[in-house]
Structure formats: C-alpha cells, structure tokens
Amino acid sequence: MQLTTKQTINTNFSMSSMTDIVFLLLIFFMLTVSSATPQALPVDLPTSDNAENDAVPQLVNVTITNSLKYYVDNQEVLRENLAATLKKALGASHQGVMIYVDKSVAVANMIYVADIAAALDAQVSIAVQPSAHALP
C-alpha cells in the first residue's frame, strides 16, 4: 500500500501585507513630521555666530513682528495686555520665555518683554538664526 500526500508547499510571496505596512508607516511619518515643526510667525531673526542649532522647547513664545505686533504663543496681544497675558500663559511653572523679535525692531521693545518675563521669575531667551560663517 502506497501513501500519497497532496500537500504542496506554496512558494509564492504575497506583497499585499508588505504594502499595507509601508502605507501605514508613510501615514505615520507624514502626521508626525507636520506636528513636530513649530508653527511660528514669519519674523526675520538676527544672526549670531554662537547660535545653537538644537532648539530647546520653551513654555511660552513671544513674537514681535516688524509692524510692532505682539504675539504670545501665536495669539495676537495688545502691548498694554502683554503682562497679564504672559502671566496667565506662564502659570505657576515659571519655566521660561523665548522671544522672537524681528531684527528691524528697536531693542527697547525686546527689553520691554524681557522685563515683564523677568518680573514673573521666568528665564528669558532670545531666538537668533545661525550666521553663514558660524564656528562649528
């Protein structure tokens, strides 16, 4: 008596599961890259030779545009209301304030914001662009 088996090994490779994984990874990376870039206002920052390329996330971003408009975390604020808005934005954590100021704006406007932040016991940082001939 001879036994025969009808089992054959399927050597075909199905790419459908692989394409599903690739599309899921593509969607994941597209969503994370768009949320990782900060939504900043267009400001022409001054340059510095000592600027660090690693951006340290700060708690509150204050932007002063060339038309002297003030923004706290991308929300426009009147100059008179800046202290109250900054105090509310900092809350109880007193972490820090990053100031983005257009290079055409007078320094007195930046000092005004820095004085308010210092009065609220917050660390003050000023955003700059690295210059083209920055040292490594």
Protein backbone atom coordinates (compact mmCIF):
# COMPACT_ATOMS: atom_id res chain seq x y z
CA MET A 1 0.00 0.00 0.00
CA GLN A 2 1.41 3.24 -1.15
CA LEU A 3 0.59 6.51 0.69
CA THR A 4 0.46 9.67 -1.28
CA THR A 5 0.28 13.16 0.12
CA LYS A 6 -1.38 16.03 -1.64
CA GLN A 7 0.28 18.73 0.40
CA THR A 8 2.37 21.07 -1.62
CA ILE A 9 4.33 23.99 -0.31
CA ASN A 10 3.22 27.34 -1.65
CA THR A 11 6.34 29.29 -2.55
CA ASN A 12 4.54 32.43 -3.73
CA PHE A 13 5.14 35.62 -1.74
CA SER A 14 2.23 38.00 -1.26
CA MET A 15 3.18 41.68 -1.27
CA SER A 16 -0.23 42.90 -0.09
CA SER A 17 0.68 42.79 3.60
CA MET A 18 4.00 44.50 2.91
CA THR A 19 2.33 47.35 1.04
CA ASP A 20 -0.13 47.81 3.91
CA ILE A 21 2.74 48.20 6.34
CA VAL A 22 4.54 50.67 4.05
CA PHE A 23 1.43 52.82 3.68
CA LEU A 24 0.82 52.82 7.43
CA LEU A 25 4.42 53.92 8.04
CA LEU A 26 4.07 56.63 5.40
CA ILE A 27 0.93 57.99 7.03
CA PHE A 28 2.54 57.85 10.48
CA PHE A 29 5.62 59.81 9.37
CA MET A 30 3.56 62.38 7.48
CA LEU A 31 1.45 63.07 10.57
CA THR A 32 4.36 63.25 13.00
CA VAL A 33 6.53 65.48 10.81
CA SER A 34 3.80 68.05 10.33
CA SER A 35 3.10 68.20 14.07
CA ALA A 36 6.78 68.32 15.04
CA THR A 37 7.53 71.56 13.22
CA PRO A 38 6.60 74.56 15.31
CA GLN A 39 4.01 76.92 13.92
CA ALA A 40 5.94 80.16 14.01
CA LEU A 41 5.15 83.60 12.69
CA PRO A 42 7.33 84.91 9.86
CA VAL A 43 9.98 87.02 11.58
CA ASP A 44 13.37 87.97 10.17
CA LEU A 45 15.60 86.91 13.08
CA PRO A 46 19.03 88.42 13.64
CA THR A 47 22.07 86.19 13.13
CA SER A 48 24.65 85.09 15.66
CA ASP A 49 27.94 83.21 15.44
CA ASN A 50 27.18 81.44 18.73
CA ALA A 51 23.65 80.31 17.91
CA GLU A 52 22.93 76.69 18.77
CA ASN A 53 21.14 74.58 16.22
CA ASP A 54 19.37 72.46 18.84
CA ALA A 55 16.07 74.12 19.61
CA VAL A 56 15.13 73.89 23.27
CA PRO A 57 11.38 73.92 23.69
CA GLN A 58 10.29 76.76 25.94
CA LEU A 59 6.99 77.13 27.68
CA VAL A 60 5.91 80.47 26.20
CA ASN A 61 6.85 82.00 22.83
CA VAL A 62 6.59 85.78 22.44
CA THR A 63 6.93 87.20 18.93
CA ILE A 64 7.41 90.85 17.97
CA THR A 65 6.88 91.49 14.26
CA ASN A 66 8.33 94.34 12.21
CA SER A 67 4.95 96.09 12.41
CA LEU A 68 5.26 96.04 16.25
CA LYS A 69 2.53 93.47 16.79
CA TYR A 70 2.97 91.26 19.84
CA TYR A 71 2.04 87.58 19.84
CA VAL A 72 2.01 85.19 22.79
CA ASP A 73 2.01 81.60 21.52
CA ASN A 74 0.75 82.78 18.10
CA GLN A 75 -2.15 84.74 19.61
CA GLU A 76 -2.06 88.49 18.94
CA VAL A 77 -1.95 90.57 22.13
CA LEU A 78 -2.05 94.32 22.65
CA ARG A 79 1.07 95.81 24.22
CA GLU A 80 -0.98 97.02 27.18
CA ASN A 81 -2.28 93.50 27.87
CA LEU A 82 1.08 91.76 27.40
CA ALA A 83 1.94 91.49 31.11
CA ALA A 84 -1.39 89.93 32.06
CA THR A 85 -1.35 87.55 29.11
CA LEU A 86 2.23 86.48 29.80
CA LYS A 87 1.45 85.91 33.47
CA LYS A 88 -1.52 83.75 32.53
CA ALA A 89 0.50 81.81 29.93
CA LEU A 90 3.34 81.11 32.35
CA GLY A 91 1.02 79.97 35.12
CA ALA A 92 2.68 78.58 38.20
CA SER A 93 5.53 76.79 36.41
CA HIS A 94 7.73 79.86 35.69
CA GLN A 95 9.75 77.89 33.12
CA GLY A 96 10.86 80.38 30.52
CA VAL A 97 10.06 82.74 27.69
CA MET A 98 11.51 82.58 24.18
CA ILE A 99 11.45 85.96 22.43
CA TYR A 100 11.31 86.05 18.64
CA VAL A 101 11.94 89.62 17.53
CA ASP A 102 12.38 90.94 14.00
CA LYS A 103 15.85 92.41 13.50
CA SER A 104 14.36 95.70 12.29
CA VAL A 105 12.54 96.25 15.60
CA ALA A 106 14.11 98.57 18.18
CA VAL A 107 15.80 96.84 21.11
CA ALA A 108 13.57 98.74 23.55
CA ASN A 109 10.60 96.60 22.50
CA MET A 110 12.51 93.40 23.23
CA ILE A 111 13.67 94.76 26.60
CA TYR A 112 10.05 95.59 27.45
CA VAL A 113 9.07 91.93 27.02
CA ALA A 114 12.21 90.69 28.81
CA ASP A 115 11.46 92.95 31.81
CA ILE A 116 7.94 91.57 32.08
CA ALA A 117 9.21 87.98 31.92
CA ALA A 118 11.96 88.69 34.48
CA ALA A 119 9.40 90.22 36.83
CA LEU A 120 7.46 86.94 36.56
CA ASP A 121 10.62 84.95 37.51
CA ALA A 122 10.86 83.34 34.08
CA GLN A 123 14.06 82.60 32.21
CA VAL A 124 14.39 84.75 29.09
CA SER A 125 15.90 83.50 25.82
CA ILE A 126 16.21 85.38 22.54
CA ALA A 127 15.85 83.47 19.27
CA VAL A 128 18.51 84.04 16.60
CA GLN A 129 19.49 82.42 13.33
CA PRO A 130 22.93 80.89 12.96
CA SER A 131 25.08 83.02 10.70
CA ALA A 132 26.54 81.63 7.50
CA HIS A 133 30.09 81.76 8.86
CA ALA A 134 29.29 80.33 12.32
CA LEU A 135 32.01 78.41 14.08
CA PRO A 136 31.49 74.63 14.42
